[in-house]
Protein backbone atom coordinates (compact mmCIF):
# COMPACT_ATOMS: atom_id res chain seq x y z
CA MET A 1 124.64 106.06 48.49
CA ARG A 2 124.25 102.31 48.05
CA TYR A 3 120.88 101.69 49.74
CA GLU A 4 117.52 103.40 49.88
CA THR A 5 116.62 105.50 52.91
CA THR A 6 113.68 106.88 54.83
CA ILE A 7 113.43 109.37 57.65
CA ALA A 8 114.44 107.88 61.00
CA ARG A 9 111.71 109.59 63.03
CA PRO A 10 108.77 111.89 62.26
CA VAL A 11 109.40 115.63 62.05
CA SER A 12 106.97 118.50 61.56
CA ALA A 13 106.74 122.16 60.68
CA SER A 14 104.04 124.80 60.37
CA GLY A 15 103.79 128.02 58.44
CA THR A 16 102.01 129.84 55.65
CA GLY A 17 101.55 129.08 51.97
CA LEU A 18 103.51 131.59 49.87
CA HIS A 19 100.83 132.02 47.21
CA SER A 20 97.63 130.96 48.98
CA GLY A 21 98.39 132.67 52.29
CA VAL A 22 96.73 129.78 54.15
CA PRO A 23 98.09 128.34 57.42
CA VAL A 24 99.45 124.86 56.86
CA SER A 25 101.31 122.14 58.75
CA ILE A 26 103.40 119.28 57.40
CA ARG A 27 104.69 116.12 59.02
CA ILE A 28 107.34 113.94 57.38
CA LEU A 29 106.98 110.25 58.26
CA PRO A 30 108.92 107.06 57.45
CA ALA A 31 107.79 105.11 54.38
CA PRO A 32 108.68 101.64 53.04
CA PRO A 33 111.29 101.07 50.31
CA ASN A 34 110.28 101.94 46.74
CA THR A 35 107.61 104.37 47.95
CA GLY A 36 109.26 107.63 46.93
CA ILE A 37 107.89 110.88 48.35
CA VAL A 38 104.12 110.78 48.73
CA PHE A 39 102.00 113.71 49.94
CA LEU A 40 98.96 112.83 52.09
CA ARG A 41 96.22 115.47 52.34
CA THR A 42 95.15 114.89 55.94
CA ASP A 43 92.26 117.35 55.48
CA LEU A 44 90.95 115.05 52.73
CA ASP A 45 91.10 111.61 54.38
CA ARG A 46 94.86 111.31 53.73
CA PHE A 47 94.38 111.40 49.96
CA PRO A 48 97.74 110.39 48.41
CA ILE A 49 99.57 112.36 45.72
CA PRO A 50 102.95 110.87 44.72
CA ALA A 51 105.69 113.36 43.87
CA SER A 52 105.91 112.22 40.25
CA TRP A 53 106.09 113.77 36.79
CA ARG A 54 102.81 112.00 36.07
CA HIS A 55 100.98 114.37 38.42
CA VAL A 56 102.48 117.73 37.41
CA ALA A 57 99.74 120.39 37.19
CA ARG A 58 100.50 124.12 37.25
CA VAL A 59 104.11 125.24 36.76
CA SER A 60 104.10 129.04 36.46
CA TYR A 61 105.39 130.57 39.71
CA ALA A 62 105.63 127.24 41.56
CA THR A 63 105.36 123.53 40.83
CA SER A 64 102.01 122.03 41.74
CA LEU A 65 100.92 118.41 41.68
CA MET A 66 97.38 117.19 41.13
CA ARG A 67 95.72 113.79 41.26
CA GLN A 68 92.00 113.27 40.69
CA GLY A 69 91.40 116.98 41.19
CA VAL A 70 93.28 117.17 44.51
CA LEU A 71 96.10 119.72 44.52
CA ILE A 72 99.42 120.16 46.32
CA SER A 73 101.15 123.45 45.50
CA THR A 74 104.70 124.81 45.83
CA THR A 75 106.33 121.42 46.24
CA GLU A 76 109.77 122.29 44.87
CA HIS A 77 111.59 123.35 48.06
CA LEU A 78 110.61 120.26 50.02
CA LEU A 79 111.40 117.92 47.12
CA SER A 80 114.73 119.67 46.56
CA ALA A 81 115.77 119.14 50.17
CA CYS A 82 114.65 115.48 50.20
CA GLN A 83 116.49 114.70 46.97
CA SER A 84 119.70 116.47 47.90
CA MET A 85 119.89 115.17 51.47
CA GLY A 86 119.41 111.56 50.33
CA LEU A 87 115.86 111.00 51.58
CA ASP A 88 114.33 108.50 49.15
CA ASN A 89 111.08 107.44 50.82
CA ALA A 90 108.70 109.44 53.00
CA TYR A 91 105.07 110.24 53.58
CA VAL A 92 104.45 113.97 53.86
CA GLU A 93 101.24 114.68 55.75
CA ILE A 94 99.86 118.09 54.84
CA ASP A 95 96.63 119.68 56.06
CA ASN A 96 96.07 122.23 53.31
CA LEU A 97 96.78 122.76 49.61
CA GLU A 98 100.23 124.40 49.73
CA VAL A 99 103.54 123.39 51.32
CA PRO A 100 104.54 126.08 53.88
CA ILE A 101 107.14 128.51 52.60
CA LEU A 102 108.88 128.75 56.04
CA ASP A 103 111.75 131.25 55.56
CA GLY A 104 111.65 131.02 51.75
CA SER A 105 114.64 128.70 51.49
CA GLY A 106 115.39 125.01 51.86
CA LEU A 107 117.40 125.48 55.04
CA PRO A 108 114.62 124.74 57.59
CA LEU A 109 113.81 121.55 55.67
CA VAL A 110 117.46 120.48 55.59
CA ARG A 111 117.67 121.03 59.35
CA MET A 112 114.50 118.97 59.89
CA ILE A 113 115.88 116.06 57.86
CA SER A 114 119.30 116.28 59.51
CA GLU A 115 117.87 116.38 63.02
CA ALA A 116 115.57 113.43 62.34
CA GLY A 117 118.30 111.39 60.66
CA LEU A 118 117.98 108.77 57.94
CA ARG A 119 117.24 105.08 58.28
CA THR A 120 118.85 102.83 55.67
CA TYR A 121 117.03 99.91 54.07
CA ARG A 122 118.64 96.87 52.44
CA ARG A 123 117.11 97.70 49.08
CA ARG A 124 119.70 98.98 46.62
CA ARG A 125 119.23 102.57 45.57
CA ARG A 126 118.62 102.96 41.83
CA TYR A 127 119.75 105.98 39.84
CA LEU A 128 118.52 107.45 36.57
CA ARG A 129 121.59 108.09 34.42
CA ILE A 130 121.32 110.18 31.26
CA ARG A 131 122.76 108.21 28.32
CA ARG A 132 122.84 110.89 25.60
CA PRO A 133 122.45 114.67 25.49
CA VAL A 134 118.93 116.06 25.72
CA GLU A 135 117.92 119.71 25.35
CA ILE A 136 114.94 122.07 25.36
CA GLN A 137 115.10 125.68 24.12
CA ASP A 138 112.50 128.43 24.08
CA ARG A 139 112.91 132.16 23.43
CA GLY A 140 116.43 132.57 24.76
CA LYS A 141 115.97 130.05 27.58
CA ARG A 142 117.57 126.63 27.55
CA ILE A 143 118.01 123.52 29.63
CA SER A 144 120.18 120.59 28.63
CA ILE A 145 121.52 117.48 30.34
CA LEU A 146 124.76 115.77 29.35
CA PRO A 147 125.79 112.24 30.36
CA SER A 148 127.75 112.04 33.61
CA ASP A 149 128.25 109.60 36.48
CA ARG A 150 127.66 112.46 38.92
CA PHE A 151 124.89 115.00 39.50
CA VAL A 152 126.36 118.32 38.40
CA LEU A 153 124.56 121.63 37.94
CA THR A 154 125.45 124.67 35.88
CA CYS A 155 122.80 127.31 36.48
CA GLU A 156 122.68 130.76 34.91
CA VAL A 157 120.18 133.57 35.49
CA PHE A 158 119.83 137.12 34.23
CA PHE A 159 117.67 139.86 35.72
CA ASP A 160 118.02 143.50 34.73
CA HIS A 161 118.71 144.78 38.23
CA PRO A 162 121.89 146.37 39.68
CA MET A 163 122.14 143.75 42.44
CA VAL A 164 121.48 140.73 40.22
CA GLY A 165 122.44 140.96 36.53
CA ARG A 166 123.97 137.78 35.15
CA GLN A 167 124.88 135.11 37.70
CA THR A 168 126.30 131.62 37.18
CA LEU A 169 126.74 128.72 39.59
CA GLU A 170 128.39 125.36 38.91
CA LEU A 171 128.78 122.57 41.43
CA GLU A 172 128.41 118.86 42.03
CA VAL A 173 125.37 118.36 44.24
CA THR A 174 126.20 116.49 47.44
CA PRO A 175 124.35 116.68 50.77
CA GLU A 176 127.15 118.75 52.29
CA ARG A 177 127.42 121.25 49.44
CA TYR A 178 123.65 121.51 49.08
CA ALA A 179 123.20 122.27 52.78
CA ALA A 180 125.92 124.93 52.76
CA GLU A 181 125.68 126.49 49.30
CA ILE A 182 122.15 126.06 47.96
CA ALA A 183 119.64 125.40 50.74
CA PRO A 184 120.00 128.83 52.47
CA ALA A 185 119.08 130.73 49.27
CA ARG A 186 115.58 132.23 49.48
CA THR A 187 112.85 132.74 46.94
CA PHE A 188 112.84 136.26 45.54
CA GLY A 189 110.85 138.82 43.61
CA PHE A 190 110.82 142.42 42.45
CA GLU A 191 108.72 145.21 43.95
CA TYR A 192 107.39 146.37 40.59
CA GLU A 193 105.87 142.90 39.97
CA LEU A 194 104.02 142.58 43.27
CA GLY A 195 100.76 144.27 42.28
CA GLN A 196 100.38 142.19 39.13
CA MET A 197 101.13 138.96 40.98
CA ARG A 198 98.56 139.75 43.68
CA ASP A 199 96.00 140.48 40.98
CA MET A 200 96.71 136.97 39.69
CA GLY A 201 95.92 135.51 43.12
CA LEU A 202 99.58 134.88 43.96
CA ILE A 203 101.99 135.75 46.83
CA ARG A 204 99.18 136.27 49.36
CA GLY A 205 101.46 134.87 52.05
CA ALA A 206 104.65 136.66 51.00
CA SER A 207 106.61 138.91 53.35
CA LEU A 208 110.18 139.98 53.95
CA ASP A 209 110.37 137.11 56.45
CA ASN A 210 109.98 134.50 53.71
CA ALA A 211 111.22 136.11 50.49
CA VAL A 212 113.86 138.47 49.18
CA CYS A 213 112.33 141.56 47.56
CA PHE A 214 114.26 143.93 45.32
CA ASP A 215 113.18 147.51 44.75
CA ARG A 216 114.53 149.45 41.79
CA THR A 217 118.03 149.88 43.20
CA GLY A 218 118.55 147.53 46.11
CA VAL A 219 117.18 144.85 48.40
CA MET A 220 114.37 145.66 50.83
CA ASN A 221 115.13 142.95 53.42
CA PRO A 222 116.76 144.47 56.54
CA GLY A 223 119.36 141.67 56.67
CA GLY A 224 120.29 141.98 53.02
CA LEU A 225 121.27 138.95 50.94
CA ARG A 226 122.66 135.65 52.23
CA PHE A 227 124.85 135.30 49.11
CA PRO A 228 125.77 137.89 46.46
CA ASP A 229 124.33 135.43 43.92
CA GLU A 230 121.39 134.31 46.06
CA CYS A 231 119.00 134.49 43.09
CA CYS A 232 121.03 132.01 41.06
CA ARG A 233 121.42 129.68 44.03
CA HIS A 234 117.69 129.69 44.64
CA LYS A 235 117.02 128.90 40.99
CA ALA A 236 119.35 125.90 41.42
CA LEU A 237 117.33 124.86 44.48
CA ASP A 238 114.10 125.00 42.47
CA LEU A 239 115.70 123.11 39.58
CA ILE A 240 116.75 120.23 41.83
CA GLY A 241 113.26 119.97 43.28
CA ASP A 242 111.62 119.88 39.86
CA LEU A 243 114.07 117.30 38.51
CA SER A 244 113.31 115.05 41.50
CA LEU A 245 109.95 114.38 39.81
CA LEU A 246 111.85 111.89 37.65
CA GLY A 247 111.38 109.59 40.63
CA ARG A 248 115.02 108.54 40.97
CA PRO A 249 118.26 110.36 41.83
CA LEU A 250 119.57 111.88 38.61
CA LEU A 251 123.07 111.36 37.21
CA GLY A 252 123.94 113.91 34.56
CA HIS A 253 125.34 117.38 34.02
CA VAL A 254 122.38 119.76 33.99
CA ILE A 255 122.91 123.12 32.29
CA ALA A 256 120.07 125.59 32.84
CA GLU A 257 120.14 129.04 31.26
CA ARG A 258 117.33 131.35 32.43
CA ALA A 259 115.04 128.33 32.79
CA GLY A 260 112.05 128.10 35.14
CA HIS A 261 109.52 125.62 36.48
CA ALA A 262 107.76 125.12 33.15
CA MET A 263 110.98 124.30 31.33
CA HIS A 264 112.27 122.10 34.19
CA THR A 265 109.14 119.97 34.18
CA ALA A 266 109.04 119.89 30.37
CA MET A 267 112.54 118.40 30.48
CA VAL A 268 111.39 115.76 32.97
CA ALA A 269 108.47 114.84 30.73
CA LYS A 270 110.73 114.67 27.67
CA ILE A 271 113.14 112.31 29.42
CA MET A 272 110.41 110.03 30.71
CA SER A 273 108.74 109.86 27.28
CA ASP A 274 111.88 108.42 25.65
CA PRO A 275 113.53 105.45 27.46
CA SER A 276 116.49 105.62 25.07
CA LEU A 277 117.61 108.80 26.86
CA TYR A 278 118.36 107.11 30.17
CA GLU A 279 119.26 103.93 32.00
CA ILE A 280 118.49 102.76 35.52
CA LEU A 281 121.54 101.63 37.50
CA ASN A 282 122.03 100.62 41.11
CA PHE A 283 125.03 101.83 43.10
CA ASP A 284 127.09 98.68 42.50
CA GLN A 285 126.54 98.81 38.74
CA LEU A 286 127.50 102.46 38.71
CA ALA A 287 130.62 101.86 40.81
CA GLY A 288 131.64 99.00 38.52
CA ARG A 289 131.26 101.20 35.47
CA VAL A 290 133.35 103.98 37.00
CA ALA A 291 136.07 101.51 38.02
CA HIS A 292 136.15 100.02 34.52
CA ALA A 293 136.45 103.50 33.00
CA LEU A 294 139.38 104.34 35.28
CA VAL A 295 141.22 101.10 34.39
CA SER A 296 140.69 101.49 30.67
């Protein structure tokens, strides 16, 4: 995309917070160029929290943002949909502390953005392109990003369960492929973990209507899985949302092996702490570079 965008008309949704269990409504509104995605806590005088790596707070079972003690939790699905569908600038009004989980996937958010449409500004869109390989490893988990003029994901997960096991997904992220192949994948968990998570104050709003739950041998949801590798696809969805905290569309080949929110956001922080790892290019500069590479 050559130019920055915003949402063409306001859209809204209501639901429940996955972890808090609180009722919550969101409204996505147009925003000026160079705004990015900014959450506005309407229950707190529209207090603004930009979706930026600078405001990352808790990153265990979801990615939360905090500014001056004000929290927005479980941001990754909404940010993933905005990033992948090409929505650069928007205000997200929210009347409680957690983004609604809806059906547990990014699909309702994709449909909202698609139905509202995008408005294009005359400001050139700027991309963050990885210039040299960068990697983080920790106890058998790894995430690395290699230079590329596209946004490509290779995502691998492993869970010791007969319906999951080792799963791998590789694709170039485009709005069309995201909407069809990643957005429908739902958040998931395992029955044997539920008690411990509730004791931690988590998943108070979880149900089979908004999450996939595996028992020891199968899946508890009456409709089954949407994809045989739904777990891997949802991890890719989360990864995209967390990487959007870079603040610009990413160009690079991301390889994530059993990584999670903490590692995703650690990678974002590592990139932003070292300007030699990346360059900022607009669409025309990128197109010129690709053309030159093809000629030479």
